[in-house]
């Protein structure tokens, strides 16, 4: 199989969420280009509209008129977050500082995901939470005047950290977040670019109150988590090269590429002009003989979304790949440890489930079988890459679920392969 061409993968999902949310809180009109029009980002747009923000349709070049940090209005309907944990947790931080009640709902998958990790620090700050069952959705957030906080998170989580930072920003109080490992820093970078005083020292972040946010004028860089799938396709091909331009190369998001390099991948990363405080560049990937590695737990936060894909790549590497320190995967859109291992076994891969990860033994035998995605977009795309390789016959039960993050995935996959 040969790959060839240039694939511009969609705008980064994490940055798209934040560009919408922070533009809504800015003083003035923000211009956002190349936003990701996925299901999750549509959820953020819908929630903002319910909070009184005039968010236009998600086109490739849109303008959001913000009216300040404390301009949101009490919602007249539930805040429907769909399948988006980022929408839920980041807006929860904002809602905690607004002096009204907001009821959050979501689909069946999101409703099972834990929300106490953001509720605990925000309750300590002065907000109040009502859970209708367990610690998931539906959830009512009662905003209140907030107190400053210094909070140590039990696990490295950009969503938890961002919720606390946004609560401090909208509530007008200083906050400090300490993490056991460094998580994604898109919130810090974008708020810094909008004029907020944020200091980062190792795994500690401190935000000082700000009077206003300067409006954005940016192009959302391409999603490294989406680029990872096309890079993996090129590495597992027999011939050719793929070029992936305008990819976000923030070091908290490029752990997957660093892990591939340790596996022996022929990868080149070329940096270009920054956007919204983010490092942006081009990824070039070529077919490579890969070997198994032991993934260190400290590497996990920078590639948490790519771990199912890494497991699928490992199925075609020489030797054993072991992933540990990834218990966070059990509370994603699906239990991504159990789901990934079960599906690898279903198509003929020697794989074992670990309490906080998995072990995969690579081989060259044809892979054949049916995949159950449980509606998880990253599972569908990871096994879609394996299914595209010659000799493999893999049926995916819900290919449409990729719309959550990469609506054109199947089209781009076909376009990358030379017939």
Protein backbone atom coordinates (compact mmCIF):
# COMPACT_ATOMS: atom_id res chain seq x y z
CA UNK A 1 0.00 0.00 0.00
CA UNK A 2 1.27 3.46 -0.92
CA UNK A 3 0.31 6.79 0.63
CA UNK A 4 0.79 10.18 -0.93
CA UNK A 5 -0.23 13.78 -0.65
CA UNK A 6 -1.00 16.59 1.76
CA UNK A 7 -3.85 16.18 4.25
CA UNK A 8 -5.04 19.23 6.21
CA UNK A 9 -6.75 17.60 9.17
CA UNK A 10 -9.51 19.54 10.97
CA UNK A 11 -8.94 22.30 13.47
CA UNK A 12 -7.95 21.25 16.97
CA UNK A 13 -10.94 20.27 19.09
CA UNK A 14 -9.53 21.47 22.41
CA UNK A 15 -8.52 24.83 20.97
CA UNK A 16 -11.85 25.21 19.10
CA UNK A 17 -13.79 24.77 22.36
CA UNK A 18 -11.65 27.39 24.10
CA UNK A 19 -11.73 29.85 21.20
CA UNK A 20 -15.55 29.88 21.37
CA UNK A 21 -15.76 30.04 25.17
CA UNK A 22 -13.13 32.73 25.64
CA UNK A 23 -14.46 34.83 22.73
CA UNK A 24 -17.85 34.82 24.45
CA UNK A 25 -16.19 36.31 27.56
CA UNK A 26 -14.01 38.83 25.71
CA UNK A 27 -14.69 42.56 25.36
CA UNK A 28 -15.48 42.94 21.68
CA UNK A 29 -15.58 40.94 18.47
CA UNK A 30 -13.31 37.92 17.98
CA UNK A 31 -12.51 36.42 14.60
CA UNK A 32 -11.91 32.65 14.48
CA UNK A 33 -10.85 30.78 11.34
CA UNK A 34 -10.60 27.01 10.76
CA UNK A 35 -12.72 26.12 13.79
CA UNK A 36 -13.61 22.43 14.01
CA UNK A 37 -17.33 22.04 13.12
CA UNK A 38 -17.62 18.72 14.97
CA UNK A 39 -20.44 17.46 17.17
CA UNK A 40 -18.55 18.32 20.36
CA UNK A 41 -17.79 21.90 19.30
CA UNK A 42 -21.41 22.33 18.19
CA UNK A 43 -22.31 21.36 21.78
CA UNK A 44 -20.18 24.21 23.11
CA UNK A 45 -21.80 26.63 20.65
CA UNK A 46 -25.26 25.48 21.71
CA UNK A 47 -24.48 25.86 25.41
CA UNK A 48 -23.19 29.39 24.86
CA UNK A 49 -26.35 30.29 22.94
CA UNK A 50 -28.40 29.01 25.88
CA UNK A 51 -26.36 31.35 28.10
CA UNK A 52 -27.28 34.35 25.96
CA UNK A 53 -24.27 34.56 23.62
CA UNK A 54 -24.89 35.28 19.93
CA UNK A 55 -22.80 32.48 18.41
CA UNK A 56 -23.17 32.20 14.62
CA UNK A 57 -23.08 28.99 12.61
CA UNK A 58 -19.69 27.28 12.75
CA UNK A 59 -18.25 28.30 9.40
CA UNK A 60 -14.58 28.39 8.38
CA UNK A 61 -14.41 32.10 9.24
CA UNK A 62 -16.70 33.32 12.01
CA UNK A 63 -17.06 36.27 14.37
CA UNK A 64 -18.22 36.05 17.98
CA UNK A 65 -19.31 39.24 19.77
CA UNK A 66 -18.32 39.05 23.43
CA UNK A 67 -19.66 41.38 26.11
CA UNK A 68 -17.26 40.79 28.99
CA UNK A 69 -16.38 38.31 31.69
CA UNK A 70 -19.66 38.65 33.55
CA UNK A 71 -22.06 38.98 30.63
CA UNK A 72 -23.63 35.50 30.59
CA UNK A 73 -27.34 35.26 31.38
CA UNK A 74 -29.32 32.64 33.30
CA UNK A 75 -30.24 29.88 30.84
CA UNK A 76 -33.86 29.39 29.91
CA UNK A 77 -33.22 25.71 29.11
CA UNK A 78 -30.90 22.88 30.10
CA UNK A 79 -27.29 23.14 28.95
CA UNK A 80 -27.08 20.13 26.62
CA UNK A 81 -23.42 19.11 26.31
CA UNK A 82 -24.05 16.12 24.04
CA UNK A 83 -21.01 13.84 24.23
CA UNK A 84 -18.54 16.58 25.18
CA UNK A 85 -16.70 16.32 28.49
CA UNK A 86 -14.69 19.43 27.62
CA UNK A 87 -17.87 21.48 27.16
CA UNK A 88 -19.28 20.23 30.46
CA UNK A 89 -16.25 20.74 32.66
CA UNK A 90 -15.05 24.06 31.27
CA UNK A 91 -18.52 25.62 31.29
CA UNK A 92 -19.00 24.27 34.82
CA UNK A 93 -16.04 26.40 35.91
CA UNK A 94 -17.61 29.47 34.31
CA UNK A 95 -21.09 28.70 35.70
CA UNK A 96 -19.71 28.34 39.22
CA UNK A 97 -18.91 32.06 39.17
CA UNK A 98 -22.26 33.18 37.70
CA UNK A 99 -24.99 34.05 40.19
CA UNK A 100 -27.64 31.77 38.75
CA UNK A 101 -28.34 28.04 38.46
CA UNK A 102 -27.45 25.98 35.39
CA UNK A 103 -28.59 22.41 34.74
CA UNK A 104 -26.17 20.34 32.65
CA UNK A 105 -27.30 17.31 30.65
CA UNK A 106 -25.67 15.06 28.06
CA UNK A 107 -25.97 11.83 26.15
CA UNK A 108 -25.81 8.42 27.84
CA UNK A 109 -22.03 8.18 27.50
CA UNK A 110 -21.31 11.64 28.92
CA UNK A 111 -23.84 11.13 31.73
CA UNK A 112 -21.70 8.26 33.05
CA UNK A 113 -18.51 10.32 33.20
CA UNK A 114 -17.41 11.60 36.65
CA UNK A 115 -17.98 15.25 37.48
CA UNK A 116 -16.94 15.30 41.14
CA UNK A 117 -13.38 16.01 40.06
CA UNK A 118 -14.51 19.53 39.09
CA UNK A 119 -17.30 19.80 41.66
CA UNK A 120 -14.95 19.34 44.63
CA UNK A 121 -12.65 22.32 44.00
CA UNK A 122 -15.52 24.53 42.83
CA UNK A 123 -17.54 23.66 45.94
CA UNK A 124 -14.51 24.62 48.03
CA UNK A 125 -14.52 27.95 46.20
CA UNK A 126 -18.17 28.56 47.15
CA UNK A 127 -20.37 27.10 44.38
CA UNK A 128 -23.02 24.45 45.10
CA UNK A 129 -23.76 21.28 43.13
CA UNK A 130 -26.81 19.00 42.95
CA UNK A 131 -26.38 15.56 41.33
CA UNK A 132 -29.53 13.73 40.33
CA UNK A 133 -27.78 10.35 40.27
CA UNK A 134 -24.25 9.36 41.17
CA UNK A 135 -21.62 11.95 40.29
CA UNK A 136 -22.49 12.33 36.62
CA UNK A 137 -25.11 14.23 34.64
CA UNK A 138 -27.75 15.59 35.05
CA UNK A 139 -26.04 18.11 37.33
CA UNK A 140 -27.16 21.52 38.59
CA UNK A 141 -24.51 24.16 39.31
CA UNK A 142 -25.53 26.99 41.64
CA UNK A 143 -23.11 29.86 41.01
CA UNK A 144 -22.01 32.10 43.87
CA UNK A 145 -19.38 34.65 44.91
CA UNK A 146 -16.16 32.62 44.88
CA UNK A 147 -13.16 32.40 47.19
CA UNK A 148 -9.50 32.06 46.12
CA UNK A 149 -8.14 28.53 46.12
CA UNK A 150 -4.93 26.51 45.91
CA UNK A 151 -5.85 23.06 44.63
CA UNK A 152 -3.83 19.88 44.06
CA UNK A 153 -5.44 17.60 41.48
CA UNK A 154 -5.26 13.85 42.07
CA UNK A 155 -4.64 13.18 38.36
CA UNK A 156 -3.26 15.42 35.62
CA UNK A 157 -6.37 16.76 33.90
CA UNK A 158 -6.53 19.78 31.62
CA UNK A 159 -10.31 19.88 32.03
CA UNK A 160 -10.19 20.05 35.83
CA UNK A 161 -7.37 22.60 35.76
CA UNK A 162 -9.23 24.72 33.20
CA UNK A 163 -12.47 24.63 35.20
CA UNK A 164 -10.66 26.06 38.24
CA UNK A 165 -8.81 28.68 36.18
CA UNK A 166 -12.04 29.82 34.50
CA UNK A 167 -13.86 29.97 37.83
CA UNK A 168 -11.11 32.25 39.14
CA UNK A 169 -11.17 34.35 35.97
CA UNK A 170 -14.95 34.95 35.91
CA UNK A 171 -15.17 35.07 39.71
CA UNK A 172 -12.39 37.65 39.93
CA UNK A 173 -10.27 35.71 42.46
CA UNK A 174 -6.70 34.34 42.26
CA UNK A 175 -6.38 30.57 41.88
CA UNK A 176 -3.47 28.13 41.91
CA UNK A 177 -3.60 24.59 40.52
CA UNK A 178 -0.92 21.99 41.21
CA UNK A 179 -0.87 18.73 39.24
CA UNK A 180 1.05 15.46 39.70
CA UNK A 181 2.18 15.74 36.06
CA UNK A 182 1.88 18.40 33.40
CA UNK A 183 -1.40 18.34 31.46
CA UNK A 184 -2.40 20.18 28.29
CA UNK A 185 -1.92 23.92 28.60
CA UNK A 186 -4.21 25.33 25.88
CA UNK A 187 -6.20 27.33 28.43
CA UNK A 188 -3.09 28.98 29.85
CA UNK A 189 -1.69 29.80 26.41
CA UNK A 190 -4.89 31.29 25.01
CA UNK A 191 -5.78 33.29 28.12
CA UNK A 192 -2.21 34.59 28.20
CA UNK A 193 -2.56 35.68 24.57
CA UNK A 194 -5.78 37.50 25.57
CA UNK A 195 -4.05 39.51 28.28
CA UNK A 196 -4.55 37.43 31.44
CA UNK A 197 -1.70 37.20 33.95
CA UNK A 198 -0.89 33.48 34.20
CA UNK A 199 2.30 32.03 35.64
CA UNK A 200 3.42 28.43 35.11
CA UNK A 201 6.21 26.81 37.10
CA UNK A 202 6.62 23.13 36.37
CA UNK A 203 3.26 21.52 37.16
CA UNK A 204 1.89 24.56 39.05
CA UNK A 205 -0.27 27.24 37.39
CA UNK A 206 -1.40 30.50 39.00
CA UNK A 207 -3.99 32.91 37.57
CA UNK A 208 -4.48 36.48 38.78
CA UNK A 209 -7.84 38.23 38.30
CA UNK A 210 -8.26 40.19 35.06
CA UNK A 211 -10.60 43.05 34.22
CA UNK A 212 -11.11 42.01 30.59
CA UNK A 213 -10.14 39.62 27.82
CA UNK A 214 -8.74 41.04 24.60
CA UNK A 215 -10.67 39.64 21.60
CA UNK A 216 -9.08 36.89 19.53
CA UNK A 217 -7.98 37.00 15.90
CA UNK A 218 -6.67 33.54 15.09
CA UNK A 219 -6.70 30.51 12.87
CA UNK A 220 -7.26 27.31 14.85
CA UNK A 221 -4.31 24.98 14.18
CA UNK A 222 -4.98 21.44 13.01
CA UNK A 223 -5.66 18.86 15.72
CA UNK A 224 -2.57 16.75 16.57
CA UNK A 225 -4.87 13.99 17.80
CA UNK A 226 -6.48 13.87 14.35
CA UNK A 227 -3.12 14.21 12.58
CA UNK A 228 -1.92 11.21 14.59
CA UNK A 229 -4.23 8.87 12.65
CA UNK A 230 -2.88 9.96 9.26
CA UNK A 231 0.70 9.82 10.53
CA UNK A 232 0.08 6.27 11.76
CA UNK A 233 -1.33 5.31 8.35
CA UNK A 234 1.86 6.56 6.66
CA UNK A 235 4.11 4.70 9.10
CA UNK A 236 2.27 1.41 8.53
CA UNK A 237 2.19 1.79 4.72
CA UNK A 238 4.67 0.13 2.34
CA UNK A 239 5.66 3.23 0.38
CA UNK A 240 5.14 6.97 0.04
CA UNK A 241 4.84 9.94 2.37
CA UNK A 242 2.12 12.07 3.92
CA UNK A 243 2.48 15.75 4.76
CA UNK A 244 0.22 17.19 7.46
CA UNK A 245 0.40 21.01 7.55
CA UNK A 246 -0.60 23.57 10.20
CA UNK A 247 -0.66 21.02 13.06
CA UNK A 248 -0.61 22.21 16.68
CA UNK A 249 2.82 21.17 17.98
CA UNK A 250 2.30 22.25 21.58
CA UNK A 251 4.64 20.00 23.57
CA UNK A 252 1.81 18.95 25.90
CA UNK A 253 0.09 17.42 22.84
CA UNK A 254 2.96 15.78 20.92
CA UNK A 255 3.70 12.83 23.20
CA UNK A 256 2.34 10.45 20.57
CA UNK A 257 4.89 11.63 18.02
CA UNK A 258 7.69 11.33 20.59
CA UNK A 259 6.58 7.78 21.40
CA UNK A 260 6.51 6.89 17.69
CA UNK A 261 10.05 8.23 17.31
CA UNK A 262 11.17 5.86 20.08
CA UNK A 263 9.48 3.05 18.15
CA UNK A 264 11.67 3.88 15.14
CA UNK A 265 9.26 6.06 13.12
CA UNK A 266 10.47 8.24 10.26
CA UNK A 267 8.82 11.48 11.38
CA UNK A 268 9.76 15.10 10.82
CA UNK A 269 8.19 18.07 12.63
CA UNK A 270 8.80 21.54 11.16
CA UNK A 271 7.59 24.54 13.18
CA UNK A 272 6.08 27.67 11.62
CA UNK A 273 4.19 30.78 12.74
CA UNK A 274 2.39 30.58 16.13
CA UNK A 275 -1.41 30.97 16.44
CA UNK A 276 -3.22 32.03 19.61
CA UNK A 277 -0.14 31.32 21.71
CA UNK A 278 0.27 27.85 20.16
CA UNK A 279 3.27 26.35 18.33
CA UNK A 280 2.18 25.33 14.82
CA UNK A 281 4.00 23.36 12.11
CA UNK A 282 4.06 20.54 9.55
CA UNK A 283 4.33 16.80 10.27
CA UNK A 284 5.88 14.56 7.60
CA UNK A 285 5.52 10.78 8.01
CA UNK A 286 6.97 7.89 5.97
CA UNK A 287 6.73 4.07 6.18
CA UNK A 288 8.85 2.74 9.04
CA UNK A 289 9.79 -0.59 10.64
CA UNK A 290 8.53 -0.16 14.20
CA UNK A 291 9.51 -1.85 17.46
CA UNK A 292 7.61 -2.20 20.73
CA UNK A 293 8.31 0.12 23.67
CA UNK A 294 7.44 0.49 27.33
CA UNK A 295 5.49 3.71 27.71
CA UNK A 296 6.41 5.59 30.88
CA UNK A 297 3.43 6.85 32.94
CA UNK A 298 4.91 10.36 32.79
CA UNK A 299 4.40 10.30 29.00
CA UNK A 300 0.68 9.52 29.23
CA UNK A 301 -0.84 13.00 29.82
CA UNK A 302 0.64 14.36 26.57
CA UNK A 303 -0.90 11.56 24.51
CA UNK A 304 -3.94 10.42 26.48
CA UNK A 305 -6.30 10.61 23.48
CA UNK A 306 -3.89 8.77 21.18
CA UNK A 307 -3.36 5.68 23.36
CA UNK A 308 -5.94 3.47 21.57
CA UNK A 309 -4.20 4.38 18.32
CA UNK A 310 -0.78 3.63 19.82
CA UNK A 311 -2.10 0.20 20.80
CA UNK A 312 -3.24 -0.41 17.21
CA UNK A 313 0.13 0.73 15.85
CA UNK A 314 1.83 -1.56 18.37
CA UNK A 315 -0.13 -4.48 16.91
CA UNK A 316 2.03 -4.08 13.80
CA UNK A 317 5.34 -3.37 15.59
CA UNK A 318 8.04 -5.93 16.36
CA UNK A 319 7.95 -7.09 19.98
CA UNK A 320 5.85 -6.05 22.97
CA UNK A 321 4.47 -2.62 23.81
CA UNK A 322 3.36 -1.93 27.39
CA UNK A 323 1.24 1.06 28.42
CA UNK A 324 0.82 1.88 32.13
CA UNK A 325 -0.26 4.89 34.15
CA UNK A 326 -3.32 5.40 31.94
CA UNK A 327 -6.22 4.67 34.34
CA UNK A 328 -7.83 7.90 33.06
CA UNK A 329 -8.75 5.94 29.91
CA UNK A 330 -11.39 4.05 31.85
CA UNK A 331 -13.57 7.18 32.19
CA UNK A 332 -13.42 8.49 28.62
CA UNK A 333 -16.21 8.15 26.04
CA UNK A 334 -15.86 4.41 26.66
CA UNK A 335 -13.60 2.40 28.96
CA UNK A 336 -10.84 2.74 26.39
CA UNK A 337 -8.62 0.14 28.05
CA UNK A 338 -11.26 -2.60 28.03
CA UNK A 339 -12.65 -1.56 24.65
CA UNK A 340 -9.26 -1.38 22.91
CA UNK A 341 -8.05 -4.73 24.27
CA UNK A 342 -11.33 -6.53 23.52
CA UNK A 343 -11.31 -5.25 19.94
CA UNK A 344 -7.65 -6.09 19.39
CA UNK A 345 -8.38 -9.65 20.51
CA UNK A 346 -11.48 -9.76 18.32
CA UNK A 347 -9.36 -9.20 15.20
CA UNK A 348 -6.57 -11.59 16.19
CA UNK A 349 -4.04 -9.49 18.15
CA UNK A 350 -2.34 -10.83 21.29
CA UNK A 351 -3.33 -8.17 23.84
CA UNK A 352 -3.80 -8.07 27.61
CA UNK A 353 -5.68 -5.65 29.81
CA UNK A 354 -3.80 -4.14 32.78
CA UNK A 355 -5.42 -2.23 35.66
CA UNK A 356 -4.04 1.06 34.31
CA UNK A 357 -3.12 0.18 30.75
CA UNK A 358 -2.51 -2.66 28.31
CA UNK A 359 0.13 -4.94 26.81
CA UNK A 360 0.23 -5.62 23.06
CA UNK A 361 2.38 -8.11 21.18
CA UNK A 362 2.98 -7.14 17.58
CA UNK A 363 2.65 -9.57 14.65
CA UNK A 364 2.19 -9.64 10.88
CA UNK A 365 -0.77 -12.03 10.63
CA UNK A 366 -3.87 -10.77 8.78
CA UNK A 367 -6.36 -9.11 11.12
CA UNK A 368 -10.00 -10.00 10.61
CA UNK A 369 -13.10 -9.44 12.69
CA UNK A 370 -15.78 -7.03 13.88
CA UNK A 371 -15.17 -3.97 16.07
CA UNK A 372 -17.56 -2.65 18.69
CA UNK A 373 -16.85 1.06 19.12
CA UNK A 374 -19.39 1.76 21.90
CA UNK A 375 -19.90 5.05 20.06
CA UNK A 376 -16.29 6.11 20.73
CA UNK A 377 -14.83 8.11 17.84
CA UNK A 378 -11.20 7.40 18.68
CA UNK A 379 -11.80 3.64 18.79
CA UNK A 380 -13.46 3.79 15.38
CA UNK A 381 -10.60 5.76 13.81
CA UNK A 382 -7.82 3.70 15.41
CA UNK A 383 -9.24 0.46 14.05
CA UNK A 384 -10.07 2.22 10.79
CA UNK A 385 -6.32 2.67 10.29
CA UNK A 386 -5.69 -1.04 10.88
CA UNK A 387 -8.59 -1.91 8.59
CA UNK A 388 -7.07 0.15 5.75
CA UNK A 389 -3.93 -2.01 5.63
CA UNK A 390 -3.74 -4.66 2.88
CA UNK A 391 -4.82 -8.13 3.98
CA UNK A 392 -6.86 -6.92 6.94
CA UNK A 393 -10.66 -7.19 6.98
CA UNK A 394 -12.09 -5.20 9.88
CA UNK A 395 -15.78 -4.24 10.14
CA UNK A 396 -16.60 -1.23 12.34
CA UNK A 397 -20.08 -1.14 13.83
CA UNK A 398 -20.53 2.65 14.00
CA UNK A 399 -18.27 4.46 11.52
CA UNK A 400 -20.41 7.61 11.81
CA UNK A 401 -19.30 8.26 15.39
CA UNK A 402 -16.10 9.88 14.04
CA UNK A 403 -18.17 13.05 13.53
CA UNK A 404 -17.47 13.93 17.17
CA UNK A 405 -13.93 15.05 16.27
CA UNK A 406 -13.11 14.32 12.59
CA UNK A 407 -16.18 14.35 10.32
CA UNK A 408 -14.15 13.87 7.10
CA UNK A 409 -11.98 11.05 8.48
CA UNK A 410 -13.13 8.30 6.10
CA UNK A 411 -12.84 10.60 3.07
CA UNK A 412 -9.33 11.70 4.07
CA UNK A 413 -8.33 8.09 4.68
CA UNK A 414 -9.36 7.11 1.16
CA UNK A 415 -7.69 10.19 -0.31
CA UNK A 416 -4.36 9.43 1.37
CA UNK A 417 -4.07 5.95 -0.15
CA UNK A 418 -2.76 5.63 -3.70
CA UNK A 419 -4.81 3.01 -5.56
